[in-house]
């Protein structure tokens, strides 16, 4: 099933790419932006 193989490869790479900012989000907002406590606001905007 070639469409499946291409799709699951894209799906995996996309999940990996999305997982990186998700893992670093709390640290980025608090430590890089200096906006600790504002994380829920940014998440609400995003969703």
ModelCIF file with pLDDT and N, C-alpha, C, O atoms, coordinates in Angstrom:
data_MODEL
#
_entry.id   MODEL 
#
_entity.id                         1 
_entity.type                       polymer 
_entity.pdbx_number_of_molecules   1 
#
_entity_poly.entity_id                      1 
_entity_poly.type                           'polypeptide(L)' 
_entity_poly.nstd_linkage                   no 
_entity_poly.nstd_monomer                   no 
_entity_poly.pdbx_seq_one_letter_code       
;(UNK)(UNK)(UNK)(UNK)(UNK)(UNK)(UNK)(UNK)(UNK)(UNK)(UNK)(UNK)(UNK)(UNK)(UNK)(UNK)
(UNK)(UNK)(UNK)(UNK)(UNK)(UNK)(UNK)(UNK)(UNK)(UNK)(UNK)(UNK)(UNK)(UNK)(UNK)(UNK)
(UNK)(UNK)(UNK)(UNK)(UNK)(UNK)(UNK)(UNK)(UNK)(UNK)(UNK)(UNK)(UNK)(UNK)(UNK)
;
_entity_poly.pdbx_seq_one_letter_code_can   XXXXXXXXXXXXXXXXXXXXXXXXXXXXXXXXXXXXXXXXXXXXXXX 
_entity_poly.pdbx_strand_id                 A 
#
loop_
_entity_poly_seq.entity_id 
_entity_poly_seq.num 
_entity_poly_seq.mon_id 
_entity_poly_seq.hetero 
1 1  UNK n 
1 2  UNK n 
1 3  UNK n 
1 4  UNK n 
1 5  UNK n 
1 6  UNK n 
1 7  UNK n 
1 8  UNK n 
1 9  UNK n 
1 10 UNK n 
1 11 UNK n 
1 12 UNK n 
1 13 UNK n 
1 14 UNK n 
1 15 UNK n 
1 16 UNK n 
1 17 UNK n 
1 18 UNK n 
1 19 UNK n 
1 20 UNK n 
1 21 UNK n 
1 22 UNK n 
1 23 UNK n 
1 24 UNK n 
1 25 UNK n 
1 26 UNK n 
1 27 UNK n 
1 28 UNK n 
1 29 UNK n 
1 30 UNK n 
1 31 UNK n 
1 32 UNK n 
1 33 UNK n 
1 34 UNK n 
1 35 UNK n 
1 36 UNK n 
1 37 UNK n 
1 38 UNK n 
1 39 UNK n 
1 40 UNK n 
1 41 UNK n 
1 42 UNK n 
1 43 UNK n 
1 44 UNK n 
1 45 UNK n 
1 46 UNK n 
1 47 UNK n 
#
_struct_asym.id          A 
_struct_asym.entity_id   1 
#
loop_
_ma_qa_metric.id 
_ma_qa_metric.mode 
_ma_qa_metric.name 
_ma_qa_metric.software_group_id 
_ma_qa_metric.type 
1 global pLDDT . pLDDT 
2 local  pLDDT . pLDDT 
#
_ma_qa_metric_global.metric_id      1 
_ma_qa_metric_global.metric_value   87.79 
_ma_qa_metric_global.model_id       1 
_ma_qa_metric_global.ordinal_id     1 
#
loop_
_ma_qa_metric_local.label_asym_id 
_ma_qa_metric_local.label_comp_id 
_ma_qa_metric_local.label_seq_id 
_ma_qa_metric_local.metric_id 
_ma_qa_metric_local.metric_value 
_ma_qa_metric_local.model_id 
_ma_qa_metric_local.ordinal_id 
A UNK 1  2 93.00 1 1  
A UNK 2  2 94.00 1 2  
A UNK 3  2 92.00 1 3  
A UNK 4  2 93.00 1 4  
A UNK 5  2 94.00 1 5  
A UNK 6  2 94.00 1 6  
A UNK 7  2 93.00 1 7  
A UNK 8  2 93.00 1 8  
A UNK 9  2 94.00 1 9  
A UNK 10 2 93.00 1 10 
A UNK 11 2 91.00 1 11 
A UNK 12 2 93.00 1 12 
A UNK 13 2 93.00 1 13 
A UNK 14 2 92.00 1 14 
A UNK 15 2 89.00 1 15 
A UNK 16 2 89.00 1 16 
A UNK 17 2 90.00 1 17 
A UNK 18 2 87.00 1 18 
A UNK 19 2 83.00 1 19 
A UNK 20 2 84.00 1 20 
A UNK 21 2 85.00 1 21 
A UNK 22 2 80.00 1 22 
A UNK 23 2 76.00 1 23 
A UNK 24 2 81.00 1 24 
A UNK 25 2 84.00 1 25 
A UNK 26 2 78.00 1 26 
A UNK 27 2 81.00 1 27 
A UNK 28 2 88.00 1 28 
A UNK 29 2 89.00 1 29 
A UNK 30 2 85.00 1 30 
A UNK 31 2 86.00 1 31 
A UNK 32 2 89.00 1 32 
A UNK 33 2 92.00 1 33 
A UNK 34 2 91.00 1 34 
A UNK 35 2 88.00 1 35 
A UNK 36 2 83.00 1 36 
A UNK 37 2 80.00 1 37 
A UNK 38 2 85.00 1 38 
A UNK 39 2 82.00 1 39 
A UNK 40 2 81.00 1 40 
A UNK 41 2 86.00 1 41 
A UNK 42 2 90.00 1 42 
A UNK 43 2 86.00 1 43 
A UNK 44 2 86.00 1 44 
A UNK 45 2 91.00 1 45 
A UNK 46 2 91.00 1 46 
A UNK 47 2 88.00 1 47 
#
loop_
_atom_site.group_PDB 
_atom_site.id 
_atom_site.type_symbol 
_atom_site.label_atom_id 
_atom_site.label_alt_id 
_atom_site.label_comp_id 
_atom_site.label_asym_id 
_atom_site.label_entity_id 
_atom_site.label_seq_id 
_atom_site.pdbx_PDB_ins_code 
_atom_site.Cartn_x 
_atom_site.Cartn_y 
_atom_site.Cartn_z 
_atom_site.occupancy 
_atom_site.B_iso_or_equiv 
_atom_site.pdbx_formal_charge 
_atom_site.auth_seq_id 
_atom_site.auth_comp_id 
_atom_site.auth_asym_id 
_atom_site.auth_atom_id 
_atom_site.pdbx_PDB_model_num 
ATOM 1   N N  . UNK A 1 1  ? 0.851  -1.194 0.000  1.00 93.00 ? 1  UNK A N  1 
ATOM 2   C CA . UNK A 1 1  ? 0.000  0.000  0.000  1.00 93.00 ? 1  UNK A CA 1 
ATOM 3   C C  . UNK A 1 1  ? 0.887  1.245  0.000  1.00 93.00 ? 1  UNK A C  1 
ATOM 4   O O  . UNK A 1 1  ? 1.185  1.796  1.060  1.00 93.00 ? 1  UNK A O  1 
ATOM 5   N N  . UNK A 1 2  ? 1.304  1.682  -1.170 1.00 94.00 ? 2  UNK A N  1 
ATOM 6   C CA . UNK A 1 2  ? 2.224  2.817  -1.277 1.00 94.00 ? 2  UNK A CA 1 
ATOM 7   C C  . UNK A 1 2  ? 1.646  4.119  -0.713 1.00 94.00 ? 2  UNK A C  1 
ATOM 8   O O  . UNK A 1 2  ? 2.379  4.850  -0.047 1.00 94.00 ? 2  UNK A O  1 
ATOM 9   N N  . UNK A 1 3  ? 0.371  4.444  -0.946 1.00 92.00 ? 3  UNK A N  1 
ATOM 10  C CA . UNK A 1 3  ? -0.173 5.652  -0.306 1.00 92.00 ? 3  UNK A CA 1 
ATOM 11  C C  . UNK A 1 3  ? -0.050 5.616  1.213  1.00 92.00 ? 3  UNK A C  1 
ATOM 12  O O  . UNK A 1 3  ? 0.231  6.637  1.839  1.00 92.00 ? 3  UNK A O  1 
ATOM 13  N N  . UNK A 1 4  ? -0.262 4.426  1.814  1.00 93.00 ? 4  UNK A N  1 
ATOM 14  C CA . UNK A 1 4  ? -0.114 4.303  3.262  1.00 93.00 ? 4  UNK A CA 1 
ATOM 15  C C  . UNK A 1 4  ? 1.324  4.580  3.697  1.00 93.00 ? 4  UNK A C  1 
ATOM 16  O O  . UNK A 1 4  ? 1.548  5.298  4.671  1.00 93.00 ? 4  UNK A O  1 
ATOM 17  N N  . UNK A 1 5  ? 2.288  4.024  2.992  1.00 94.00 ? 5  UNK A N  1 
ATOM 18  C CA . UNK A 1 5  ? 3.693  4.205  3.371  1.00 94.00 ? 5  UNK A CA 1 
ATOM 19  C C  . UNK A 1 5  ? 4.103  5.671  3.261  1.00 94.00 ? 5  UNK A C  1 
ATOM 20  O O  . UNK A 1 5  ? 4.809  6.186  4.127  1.00 94.00 ? 5  UNK A O  1 
ATOM 21  N N  . UNK A 1 6  ? 3.665  6.339  2.209  1.00 94.00 ? 6  UNK A N  1 
ATOM 22  C CA . UNK A 1 6  ? 3.998  7.760  2.066  1.00 94.00 ? 6  UNK A CA 1 
ATOM 23  C C  . UNK A 1 6  ? 3.309  8.595  3.142  1.00 94.00 ? 6  UNK A C  1 
ATOM 24  O O  . UNK A 1 6  ? 3.894  9.522  3.702  1.00 94.00 ? 6  UNK A O  1 
ATOM 25  N N  . UNK A 1 7  ? 2.058  8.246  3.417  1.00 93.00 ? 7  UNK A N  1 
ATOM 26  C CA . UNK A 1 7  ? 1.303  9.020  4.398  1.00 93.00 ? 7  UNK A CA 1 
ATOM 27  C C  . UNK A 1 7  ? 1.858  8.845  5.805  1.00 93.00 ? 7  UNK A C  1 
ATOM 28  O O  . UNK A 1 7  ? 1.989  9.825  6.538  1.00 93.00 ? 7  UNK A O  1 
ATOM 29  N N  . UNK A 1 8  ? 2.184  7.622  6.193  1.00 93.00 ? 8  UNK A N  1 
ATOM 30  C CA . UNK A 1 8  ? 2.648  7.421  7.563  1.00 93.00 ? 8  UNK A CA 1 
ATOM 31  C C  . UNK A 1 8  ? 4.030  8.049  7.758  1.00 93.00 ? 8  UNK A C  1 
ATOM 32  O O  . UNK A 1 8  ? 4.365  8.476  8.862  1.00 93.00 ? 8  UNK A O  1 
ATOM 33  N N  . UNK A 1 9  ? 4.836  8.107  6.688  1.00 94.00 ? 9  UNK A N  1 
ATOM 34  C CA . UNK A 1 9  ? 6.125  8.798  6.781  1.00 94.00 ? 9  UNK A CA 1 
ATOM 35  C C  . UNK A 1 9  ? 5.912  10.298 7.005  1.00 94.00 ? 9  UNK A C  1 
ATOM 36  O O  . UNK A 1 9  ? 6.556  10.904 7.862  1.00 94.00 ? 9  UNK A O  1 
ATOM 37  N N  . UNK A 1 10 ? 4.999  10.889 6.224  1.00 93.00 ? 10 UNK A N  1 
ATOM 38  C CA . UNK A 1 10 ? 4.694  12.309 6.401  1.00 93.00 ? 10 UNK A CA 1 
ATOM 39  C C  . UNK A 1 10 ? 4.072  12.569 7.770  1.00 93.00 ? 10 UNK A C  1 
ATOM 40  O O  . UNK A 1 10 ? 4.376  13.564 8.428  1.00 93.00 ? 10 UNK A O  1 
ATOM 41  N N  . UNK A 1 11 ? 3.198  11.655 8.184  1.00 91.00 ? 11 UNK A N  1 
ATOM 42  C CA . UNK A 1 11 ? 2.520  11.776 9.476  1.00 91.00 ? 11 UNK A CA 1 
ATOM 43  C C  . UNK A 1 11 ? 3.536  11.739 10.624 1.00 91.00 ? 11 UNK A C  1 
ATOM 44  O O  . UNK A 1 11 ? 3.437  12.511 11.578 1.00 91.00 ? 11 UNK A O  1 
ATOM 45  N N  . UNK A 1 12 ? 4.515  10.829 10.516 1.00 93.00 ? 12 UNK A N  1 
ATOM 46  C CA . UNK A 1 12 ? 5.541  10.718 11.550 1.00 93.00 ? 12 UNK A CA 1 
ATOM 47  C C  . UNK A 1 12 ? 6.401  11.982 11.605 1.00 93.00 ? 12 UNK A C  1 
ATOM 48  O O  . UNK A 1 12 ? 6.638  12.520 12.687 1.00 93.00 ? 12 UNK A O  1 
ATOM 49  N N  . UNK A 1 13 ? 6.869  12.458 10.450 1.00 93.00 ? 13 UNK A N  1 
ATOM 50  C CA . UNK A 1 13 ? 7.721  13.650 10.424 1.00 93.00 ? 13 UNK A CA 1 
ATOM 51  C C  . UNK A 1 13 ? 6.958  14.877 10.908 1.00 93.00 ? 13 UNK A C  1 
ATOM 52  O O  . UNK A 1 13 ? 7.520  15.724 11.603 1.00 93.00 ? 13 UNK A O  1 
ATOM 53  N N  . UNK A 1 14 ? 5.681  14.978 10.545 1.00 92.00 ? 14 UNK A N  1 
ATOM 54  C CA . UNK A 1 14 ? 4.863  16.091 11.011 1.00 92.00 ? 14 UNK A CA 1 
ATOM 55  C C  . UNK A 1 14 ? 4.656  16.024 12.524 1.00 92.00 ? 14 UNK A C  1 
ATOM 56  O O  . UNK A 1 14 ? 4.692  17.048 13.207 1.00 92.00 ? 14 UNK A O  1 
ATOM 57  N N  . UNK A 1 15 ? 4.439  14.803 13.046 1.00 89.00 ? 15 UNK A N  1 
ATOM 58  C CA . UNK A 1 15 ? 4.295  14.638 14.489 1.00 89.00 ? 15 UNK A CA 1 
ATOM 59  C C  . UNK A 1 15 ? 5.570  14.989 15.227 1.00 89.00 ? 15 UNK A C  1 
ATOM 60  O O  . UNK A 1 15 ? 5.527  15.589 16.301 1.00 89.00 ? 15 UNK A O  1 
ATOM 61  N N  . UNK A 1 16 ? 6.711  14.616 14.655 1.00 89.00 ? 16 UNK A N  1 
ATOM 62  C CA . UNK A 1 16 ? 7.999  14.961 15.254 1.00 89.00 ? 16 UNK A CA 1 
ATOM 63  C C  . UNK A 1 16 ? 8.181  16.470 15.288 1.00 89.00 ? 16 UNK A C  1 
ATOM 64  O O  . UNK A 1 16 ? 8.619  17.029 16.294 1.00 89.00 ? 16 UNK A O  1 
ATOM 65  N N  . UNK A 1 17 ? 7.840  17.133 14.173 1.00 90.00 ? 17 UNK A N  1 
ATOM 66  C CA . UNK A 1 17 ? 7.976  18.590 14.098 1.00 90.00 ? 17 UNK A CA 1 
ATOM 67  C C  . UNK A 1 17 ? 7.042  19.290 15.081 1.00 90.00 ? 17 UNK A C  1 
ATOM 68  O O  . UNK A 1 17 ? 7.431  20.277 15.705 1.00 90.00 ? 17 UNK A O  1 
ATOM 69  N N  . UNK A 1 18 ? 5.816  18.791 15.227 1.00 87.00 ? 18 UNK A N  1 
ATOM 70  C CA . UNK A 1 18 ? 4.873  19.388 16.177 1.00 87.00 ? 18 UNK A CA 1 
ATOM 71  C C  . UNK A 1 18 ? 5.266  19.100 17.617 1.00 87.00 ? 18 UNK A C  1 
ATOM 72  O O  . UNK A 1 18 ? 4.987  19.899 18.511 1.00 87.00 ? 18 UNK A O  1 
ATOM 73  N N  . UNK A 1 19 ? 5.917  17.952 17.846 1.00 83.00 ? 19 UNK A N  1 
ATOM 74  C CA . UNK A 1 19 ? 6.301  17.589 19.199 1.00 83.00 ? 19 UNK A CA 1 
ATOM 75  C C  . UNK A 1 19 ? 7.396  18.467 19.775 1.00 83.00 ? 19 UNK A C  1 
ATOM 76  O O  . UNK A 1 19 ? 7.466  18.645 20.991 1.00 83.00 ? 19 UNK A O  1 
ATOM 77  N N  . UNK A 1 20 ? 8.245  19.015 18.933 1.00 84.00 ? 20 UNK A N  1 
ATOM 78  C CA . UNK A 1 20 ? 9.349  19.853 19.422 1.00 84.00 ? 20 UNK A CA 1 
ATOM 79  C C  . UNK A 1 20 ? 8.847  21.150 20.065 1.00 84.00 ? 20 UNK A C  1 
ATOM 80  O O  . UNK A 1 20 ? 9.210  21.422 21.210 1.00 84.00 ? 20 UNK A O  1 
ATOM 81  N N  . UNK A 1 21 ? 8.030  21.962 19.382 1.00 85.00 ? 21 UNK A N  1 
ATOM 82  C CA . UNK A 1 21 ? 7.522  23.161 20.058 1.00 85.00 ? 21 UNK A CA 1 
ATOM 83  C C  . UNK A 1 21 ? 6.596  22.836 21.225 1.00 85.00 ? 21 UNK A C  1 
ATOM 84  O O  . UNK A 1 21 ? 6.543  23.587 22.199 1.00 85.00 ? 21 UNK A O  1 
ATOM 85  N N  . UNK A 1 22 ? 5.862  21.721 21.136 1.00 80.00 ? 22 UNK A N  1 
ATOM 86  C CA . UNK A 1 22 ? 4.993  21.343 22.255 1.00 80.00 ? 22 UNK A CA 1 
ATOM 87  C C  . UNK A 1 22 ? 5.822  21.040 23.500 1.00 80.00 ? 22 UNK A C  1 
ATOM 88  O O  . UNK A 1 22 ? 5.446  21.422 24.609 1.00 80.00 ? 22 UNK A O  1 
ATOM 89  N N  . UNK A 1 23 ? 6.955  20.353 23.316 1.00 76.00 ? 23 UNK A N  1 
ATOM 90  C CA . UNK A 1 23 ? 7.812  20.008 24.448 1.00 76.00 ? 23 UNK A CA 1 
ATOM 91  C C  . UNK A 1 23 ? 8.486  21.235 25.051 1.00 76.00 ? 23 UNK A C  1 
ATOM 92  O O  . UNK A 1 23 ? 8.716  21.291 26.260 1.00 76.00 ? 23 UNK A O  1 
ATOM 93  N N  . UNK A 1 24 ? 8.804  22.219 24.207 1.00 81.00 ? 24 UNK A N  1 
ATOM 94  C CA . UNK A 1 24 ? 9.578  23.371 24.659 1.00 81.00 ? 24 UNK A CA 1 
ATOM 95  C C  . UNK A 1 24 ? 8.713  24.590 24.994 1.00 81.00 ? 24 UNK A C  1 
ATOM 96  O O  . UNK A 1 24 ? 9.232  25.605 25.458 1.00 81.00 ? 24 UNK A O  1 
ATOM 97  N N  . UNK A 1 25 ? 7.414  24.499 24.764 1.00 84.00 ? 25 UNK A N  1 
ATOM 98  C CA . UNK A 1 25 ? 6.548  25.674 24.882 1.00 84.00 ? 25 UNK A CA 1 
ATOM 99  C C  . UNK A 1 25 ? 6.642  26.349 26.249 1.00 84.00 ? 25 UNK A C  1 
ATOM 100 O O  . UNK A 1 25 ? 6.859  27.558 26.330 1.00 84.00 ? 25 UNK A O  1 
ATOM 101 N N  . UNK A 1 26 ? 6.480  25.574 27.320 1.00 78.00 ? 26 UNK A N  1 
ATOM 102 C CA . UNK A 1 26 ? 6.481  26.168 28.663 1.00 78.00 ? 26 UNK A CA 1 
ATOM 103 C C  . UNK A 1 26 ? 7.818  26.837 28.969 1.00 78.00 ? 26 UNK A C  1 
ATOM 104 O O  . UNK A 1 26 ? 7.858  27.928 29.537 1.00 78.00 ? 26 UNK A O  1 
ATOM 105 N N  . UNK A 1 27 ? 8.912  26.176 28.588 1.00 81.00 ? 27 UNK A N  1 
ATOM 106 C CA . UNK A 1 27 ? 10.236 26.744 28.831 1.00 81.00 ? 27 UNK A CA 1 
ATOM 107 C C  . UNK A 1 27 ? 10.452 28.001 27.989 1.00 81.00 ? 27 UNK A C  1 
ATOM 108 O O  . UNK A 1 27 ? 11.024 28.979 28.472 1.00 81.00 ? 27 UNK A O  1 
ATOM 109 N N  . UNK A 1 28 ? 10.003 27.981 26.748 1.00 88.00 ? 28 UNK A N  1 
ATOM 110 C CA . UNK A 1 28 ? 10.213 29.110 25.841 1.00 88.00 ? 28 UNK A CA 1 
ATOM 111 C C  . UNK A 1 28 ? 9.499  30.360 26.350 1.00 88.00 ? 28 UNK A C  1 
ATOM 112 O O  . UNK A 1 28 ? 10.083 31.443 26.398 1.00 88.00 ? 28 UNK A O  1 
ATOM 113 N N  . UNK A 1 29 ? 8.235  30.203 26.728 1.00 89.00 ? 29 UNK A N  1 
ATOM 114 C CA . UNK A 1 29 ? 7.462  31.357 27.180 1.00 89.00 ? 29 UNK A CA 1 
ATOM 115 C C  . UNK A 1 29 ? 8.037  31.914 28.486 1.00 89.00 ? 29 UNK A C  1 
ATOM 116 O O  . UNK A 1 29 ? 8.169  33.127 28.649 1.00 89.00 ? 29 UNK A O  1 
ATOM 117 N N  . UNK A 1 30 ? 8.378  31.010 29.415 1.00 85.00 ? 30 UNK A N  1 
ATOM 118 C CA . UNK A 1 30 ? 8.855  31.464 30.729 1.00 85.00 ? 30 UNK A CA 1 
ATOM 119 C C  . UNK A 1 30 ? 10.291 31.984 30.686 1.00 85.00 ? 30 UNK A C  1 
ATOM 120 O O  . UNK A 1 30 ? 10.585 33.040 31.247 1.00 85.00 ? 30 UNK A O  1 
ATOM 121 N N  . UNK A 1 31 ? 11.184 31.248 30.024 1.00 86.00 ? 31 UNK A N  1 
ATOM 122 C CA . UNK A 1 31 ? 12.608 31.560 30.101 1.00 86.00 ? 31 UNK A CA 1 
ATOM 123 C C  . UNK A 1 31 ? 13.097 32.453 28.962 1.00 86.00 ? 31 UNK A C  1 
ATOM 124 O O  . UNK A 1 31 ? 13.913 33.348 29.182 1.00 86.00 ? 31 UNK A O  1 
ATOM 125 N N  . UNK A 1 32 ? 12.605 32.215 27.754 1.00 89.00 ? 32 UNK A N  1 
ATOM 126 C CA . UNK A 1 32 ? 13.054 33.001 26.609 1.00 89.00 ? 32 UNK A CA 1 
ATOM 127 C C  . UNK A 1 32 ? 12.311 34.326 26.517 1.00 89.00 ? 32 UNK A C  1 
ATOM 128 O O  . UNK A 1 32 ? 12.928 35.380 26.363 1.00 89.00 ? 32 UNK A O  1 
ATOM 129 N N  . UNK A 1 33 ? 10.990 34.271 26.610 1.00 92.00 ? 33 UNK A N  1 
ATOM 130 C CA . UNK A 1 33 ? 10.194 35.491 26.497 1.00 92.00 ? 33 UNK A CA 1 
ATOM 131 C C  . UNK A 1 33 ? 10.063 36.230 27.820 1.00 92.00 ? 33 UNK A C  1 
ATOM 132 O O  . UNK A 1 33 ? 9.718  37.411 27.845 1.00 92.00 ? 33 UNK A O  1 
ATOM 133 N N  . UNK A 1 34 ? 10.342 35.523 28.935 1.00 91.00 ? 34 UNK A N  1 
ATOM 134 C CA . UNK A 1 34 ? 10.186 36.149 30.241 1.00 91.00 ? 34 UNK A CA 1 
ATOM 135 C C  . UNK A 1 34 ? 8.739  36.438 30.579 1.00 91.00 ? 34 UNK A C  1 
ATOM 136 O O  . UNK A 1 34 ? 8.435  37.456 31.200 1.00 91.00 ? 34 UNK A O  1 
ATOM 137 N N  . UNK A 1 35 ? 7.847  35.553 30.175 1.00 88.00 ? 35 UNK A N  1 
ATOM 138 C CA . UNK A 1 35 ? 6.406  35.782 30.362 1.00 88.00 ? 35 UNK A CA 1 
ATOM 139 C C  . UNK A 1 35 ? 5.770  34.651 31.140 1.00 88.00 ? 35 UNK A C  1 
ATOM 140 O O  . UNK A 1 35 ? 4.696  34.177 30.772 1.00 88.00 ? 35 UNK A O  1 
ATOM 141 N N  . UNK A 1 36 ? 6.415  34.208 32.211 1.00 83.00 ? 36 UNK A N  1 
ATOM 142 C CA . UNK A 1 36 ? 5.855  33.137 33.034 1.00 83.00 ? 36 UNK A CA 1 
ATOM 143 C C  . UNK A 1 36 ? 4.462  33.529 33.520 1.00 83.00 ? 36 UNK A C  1 
ATOM 144 O O  . UNK A 1 36 ? 4.243  34.659 33.956 1.00 83.00 ? 36 UNK A O  1 
ATOM 145 N N  . UNK A 1 37 ? 3.536  32.599 33.442 1.00 80.00 ? 37 UNK A N  1 
ATOM 146 C CA . UNK A 1 37 ? 2.151  32.852 33.813 1.00 80.00 ? 37 UNK A CA 1 
ATOM 147 C C  . UNK A 1 37 ? 1.258  33.204 32.640 1.00 80.00 ? 37 UNK A C  1 
ATOM 148 O O  . UNK A 1 37 ? 0.034  33.200 32.773 1.00 80.00 ? 37 UNK A O  1 
ATOM 149 N N  . UNK A 1 38 ? 1.852  33.510 31.490 1.00 85.00 ? 38 UNK A N  1 
ATOM 150 C CA . UNK A 1 38 ? 1.078  33.857 30.304 1.00 85.00 ? 38 UNK A CA 1 
ATOM 151 C C  . UNK A 1 38 ? 0.833  32.657 29.383 1.00 85.00 ? 38 UNK A C  1 
ATOM 152 O O  . UNK A 1 38 ? 0.212  32.793 28.329 1.00 85.00 ? 38 UNK A O  1 
ATOM 153 N N  . UNK A 1 39 ? 1.325  31.482 29.791 1.00 82.00 ? 39 UNK A N  1 
ATOM 154 C CA . UNK A 1 39 ? 1.200  30.301 28.927 1.00 82.00 ? 39 UNK A CA 1 
ATOM 155 C C  . UNK A 1 39 ? -0.246 29.974 28.563 1.00 82.00 ? 39 UNK A C  1 
ATOM 156 O O  . UNK A 1 39 ? -0.518 29.695 27.395 1.00 82.00 ? 39 UNK A O  1 
ATOM 157 N N  . UNK A 1 40 ? -1.200 29.995 29.526 1.00 81.00 ? 40 UNK A N  1 
ATOM 158 C CA . UNK A 1 40 ? -2.595 29.686 29.144 1.00 81.00 ? 40 UNK A CA 1 
ATOM 159 C C  . UNK A 1 40 ? -3.157 30.636 28.093 1.00 81.00 ? 40 UNK A C  1 
ATOM 160 O O  . UNK A 1 40 ? -3.943 30.223 27.241 1.00 81.00 ? 40 UNK A O  1 
ATOM 161 N N  . UNK A 1 41 ? -2.762 31.900 28.147 1.00 86.00 ? 41 UNK A N  1 
ATOM 162 C CA . UNK A 1 41 ? -3.261 32.873 27.169 1.00 86.00 ? 41 UNK A CA 1 
ATOM 163 C C  . UNK A 1 41 ? -2.799 32.510 25.759 1.00 86.00 ? 41 UNK A C  1 
ATOM 164 O O  . UNK A 1 41 ? -3.590 32.521 24.817 1.00 86.00 ? 41 UNK A O  1 
ATOM 165 N N  . UNK A 1 42 ? -1.516 32.189 25.625 1.00 90.00 ? 42 UNK A N  1 
ATOM 166 C CA . UNK A 1 42 ? -0.996 31.821 24.300 1.00 90.00 ? 42 UNK A CA 1 
ATOM 167 C C  . UNK A 1 42 ? -1.632 30.524 23.795 1.00 90.00 ? 42 UNK A C  1 
ATOM 168 O O  . UNK A 1 42 ? -1.913 30.393 22.604 1.00 90.00 ? 42 UNK A O  1 
ATOM 169 N N  . UNK A 1 43 ? -1.857 29.574 24.695 1.00 86.00 ? 43 UNK A N  1 
ATOM 170 C CA . UNK A 1 43 ? -2.509 28.328 24.286 1.00 86.00 ? 43 UNK A CA 1 
ATOM 171 C C  . UNK A 1 43 ? -3.942 28.573 23.817 1.00 86.00 ? 43 UNK A C  1 
ATOM 172 O O  . UNK A 1 43 ? -4.391 27.977 22.838 1.00 86.00 ? 43 UNK A O  1 
ATOM 173 N N  . UNK A 1 44 ? -4.650 29.446 24.515 1.00 86.00 ? 44 UNK A N  1 
ATOM 174 C CA . UNK A 1 44 ? -6.025 29.755 24.125 1.00 86.00 ? 44 UNK A CA 1 
ATOM 175 C C  . UNK A 1 44 ? -6.064 30.428 22.756 1.00 86.00 ? 44 UNK A C  1 
ATOM 176 O O  . UNK A 1 44 ? -6.932 30.125 21.937 1.00 86.00 ? 44 UNK A O  1 
ATOM 177 N N  . UNK A 1 45 ? -5.117 31.349 22.504 1.00 91.00 ? 45 UNK A N  1 
ATOM 178 C CA . UNK A 1 45 ? -5.035 31.989 21.185 1.00 91.00 ? 45 UNK A CA 1 
ATOM 179 C C  . UNK A 1 45 ? -4.801 30.931 20.107 1.00 91.00 ? 45 UNK A C  1 
ATOM 180 O O  . UNK A 1 45 ? -5.456 30.930 19.065 1.00 91.00 ? 45 UNK A O  1 
ATOM 181 N N  . UNK A 1 46 ? -3.867 30.045 20.377 1.00 91.00 ? 46 UNK A N  1 
ATOM 182 C CA . UNK A 1 46 ? -3.483 28.990 19.435 1.00 91.00 ? 46 UNK A CA 1 
ATOM 183 C C  . UNK A 1 46 ? -4.672 28.100 19.078 1.00 91.00 ? 46 UNK A C  1 
ATOM 184 O O  . UNK A 1 46 ? -4.958 27.880 17.901 1.00 91.00 ? 46 UNK A O  1 
ATOM 185 N N  . UNK A 1 47 ? -5.360 27.591 20.096 1.00 88.00 ? 47 UNK A N  1 
ATOM 186 C CA . UNK A 1 47 ? -6.468 26.677 19.847 1.00 88.00 ? 47 UNK A CA 1 
ATOM 187 C C  . UNK A 1 47 ? -7.702 27.398 19.308 1.00 88.00 ? 47 UNK A C  1 
ATOM 188 O O  . UNK A 1 47 ? -8.723 26.763 19.047 1.00 88.00 ? 47 UNK A O  1 
#
